[in-house]
Amino acid sequence: MNVLRVISLFYLARWDKDFFEFAHLYLWQALIMLDVLIVWLVWIRIVAQRTFPPPPSTPLVAGA
């Protein structure tokens, strides 16, 4: 995603400086944050689907 951002900003800088500034300061920052959120949500879903064994319980000792 970052490589795509850098390449697009390179071409935008050569084409239109004003749109480059907008894309660099607002558009790509928002898209990168959205990408981070999506990757995090996918990761959380994958972790939540895993079945982890329950922790071992300690036996209760009578009279202790």
C-alpha atoms as a PDB file:
ATOM      1  CA  MET A   1       0.000   0.000   0.000  1.00  0.00           C
ATOM      2  CA  ASN A   2       2.819   2.368   0.858  1.00  0.00           C
ATOM      3  CA  VAL A   3       4.618   1.687  -2.426  1.00  0.00           C
ATOM      4  CA  LEU A   4       1.421   2.566  -4.290  1.00  0.00           C
ATOM      5  CA  ARG A   5       1.205   5.778  -2.240  1.00  0.00           C
ATOM      6  CA  VAL A   6       4.774   6.793  -3.038  1.00  0.00           C
ATOM      7  CA  ILE A   7       4.398   6.075  -6.761  1.00  0.00           C
ATOM      8  CA  SER A   8       1.114   7.963  -7.007  1.00  0.00           C
ATOM      9  CA  LEU A   9       2.559  10.934  -5.124  1.00  0.00           C
ATOM     10  CA  PHE A  10       5.549  10.997  -7.439  1.00  0.00           C
ATOM     11  CA  TYR A  11       3.321  11.265 -10.510  1.00  0.00           C
ATOM     12  CA  LEU A  12       0.961  13.715  -8.828  1.00  0.00           C
ATOM     13  CA  ALA A  13       3.894  15.990  -7.969  1.00  0.00           C
ATOM     14  CA  ARG A  14       4.868  16.095 -11.628  1.00  0.00           C
ATOM     15  CA  TRP A  15       1.270  16.639 -12.797  1.00  0.00           C
ATOM     16  CA  ASP A  16      -0.365  19.073 -10.336  1.00  0.00           C
ATOM     17  CA  LYS A  17       1.273  20.498  -7.206  1.00  0.00           C
ATOM     18  CA  ASP A  18      -2.023  21.537  -5.594  1.00  0.00           C
ATOM     19  CA  PHE A  19      -3.587  18.105  -5.947  1.00  0.00           C
ATOM     20  CA  PHE A  20      -0.312  16.570  -4.738  1.00  0.00           C
ATOM     21  CA  GLU A  21      -0.560  18.586  -1.525  1.00  0.00           C
ATOM     22  CA  PHE A  22      -4.172  17.509  -0.989  1.00  0.00           C
ATOM     23  CA  ALA A  23      -3.393  13.853  -1.727  1.00  0.00           C
ATOM     24  CA  HIS A  24      -0.305  13.857   0.473  1.00  0.00           C
ATOM     25  CA  LEU A  25      -1.812  15.672   3.450  1.00  0.00           C
ATOM     26  CA  TYR A  26      -5.375  14.337   3.475  1.00  0.00           C
ATOM     27  CA  LEU A  27      -6.251  11.618   0.973  1.00  0.00           C
ATOM     28  CA  TRP A  28      -3.392   9.176   1.503  1.00  0.00           C
ATOM     29  CA  GLN A  29      -3.265   9.665   5.256  1.00  0.00           C
ATOM     30  CA  ALA A  30      -6.942   8.767   5.487  1.00  0.00           C
ATOM     31  CA  LEU A  31      -6.477   5.762   3.194  1.00  0.00           C
ATOM     32  CA  ILE A  32      -3.502   4.485   5.180  1.00  0.00           C
ATOM     33  CA  MET A  33      -5.458   4.821   8.437  1.00  0.00           C
ATOM     34  CA  LEU A  34      -8.385   2.969   6.857  1.00  0.00           C
ATOM     35  CA  ASP A  35      -5.989   0.251   5.683  1.00  0.00           C
ATOM     36  CA  VAL A  36      -4.562  -0.085   9.200  1.00  0.00           C
ATOM     37  CA  LEU A  37      -8.079  -0.375  10.638  1.00  0.00           C
ATOM     38  CA  ILE A  38      -9.085  -3.060   8.133  1.00  0.00           C
ATOM     39  CA  VAL A  39      -5.917  -5.099   8.717  1.00  0.00           C
ATOM     40  CA  TRP A  40      -6.422  -4.832  12.484  1.00  0.00           C
ATOM     41  CA  LEU A  41     -10.058  -5.952  12.250  1.00  0.00           C
ATOM     42  CA  VAL A  42      -9.112  -8.927  10.069  1.00  0.00           C
ATOM     43  CA  TRP A  43      -6.342  -9.846  12.502  1.00  0.00           C
ATOM     44  CA  ILE A  44      -8.719  -9.639  15.486  1.00  0.00           C
ATOM     45  CA  ARG A  45     -11.243 -11.851  13.676  1.00  0.00           C
ATOM     46  CA  ILE A  46      -8.559 -14.449  12.911  1.00  0.00           C
ATOM     47  CA  VAL A  47      -7.331 -14.455  16.499  1.00  0.00           C
ATOM     48  CA  ALA A  48     -10.887 -14.722  17.858  1.00  0.00           C
ATOM     49  CA  GLN A  49     -11.589 -17.791  15.688  1.00  0.00           C
ATOM     50  CA  ARG A  50      -8.650 -19.728  17.065  1.00  0.00           C
ATOM     51  CA  THR A  51      -9.442 -22.168  19.825  1.00  0.00           C
ATOM     52  CA  PHE A  52      -7.046 -21.931  22.690  1.00  0.00           C
ATOM     53  CA  PRO A  53      -6.908 -24.680  25.320  1.00  0.00           C
ATOM     54  CA  PRO A  54      -8.171 -23.593  28.722  1.00  0.00           C
ATOM     55  CA  PRO A  55      -5.479 -22.859  31.299  1.00  0.00           C
ATOM     56  CA  PRO A  56      -4.715 -25.747  33.618  1.00  0.00           C
ATOM     57  CA  SER A  57      -6.711 -25.541  36.826  1.00  0.00           C
ATOM     58  CA  THR A  58      -5.107 -26.112  40.186  1.00  0.00           C
ATOM     59  CA  PRO A  59      -6.767 -28.855  42.216  1.00  0.00           C
ATOM     60  CA  LEU A  60      -8.374 -27.779  45.453  1.00  0.00           C
ATOM     61  CA  VAL A  61      -6.693 -29.316  48.464  1.00  0.00           C
ATOM     62  CA  ALA A  62      -8.995 -30.050  51.384  1.00  0.00           C
ATOM     63  CA  GLY A  63      -7.915 -28.560  54.676  1.00  0.00           C
ATOM     64  CA  ALA A  64      -5.420 -26.137  53.233  1.00  0.00           C
END
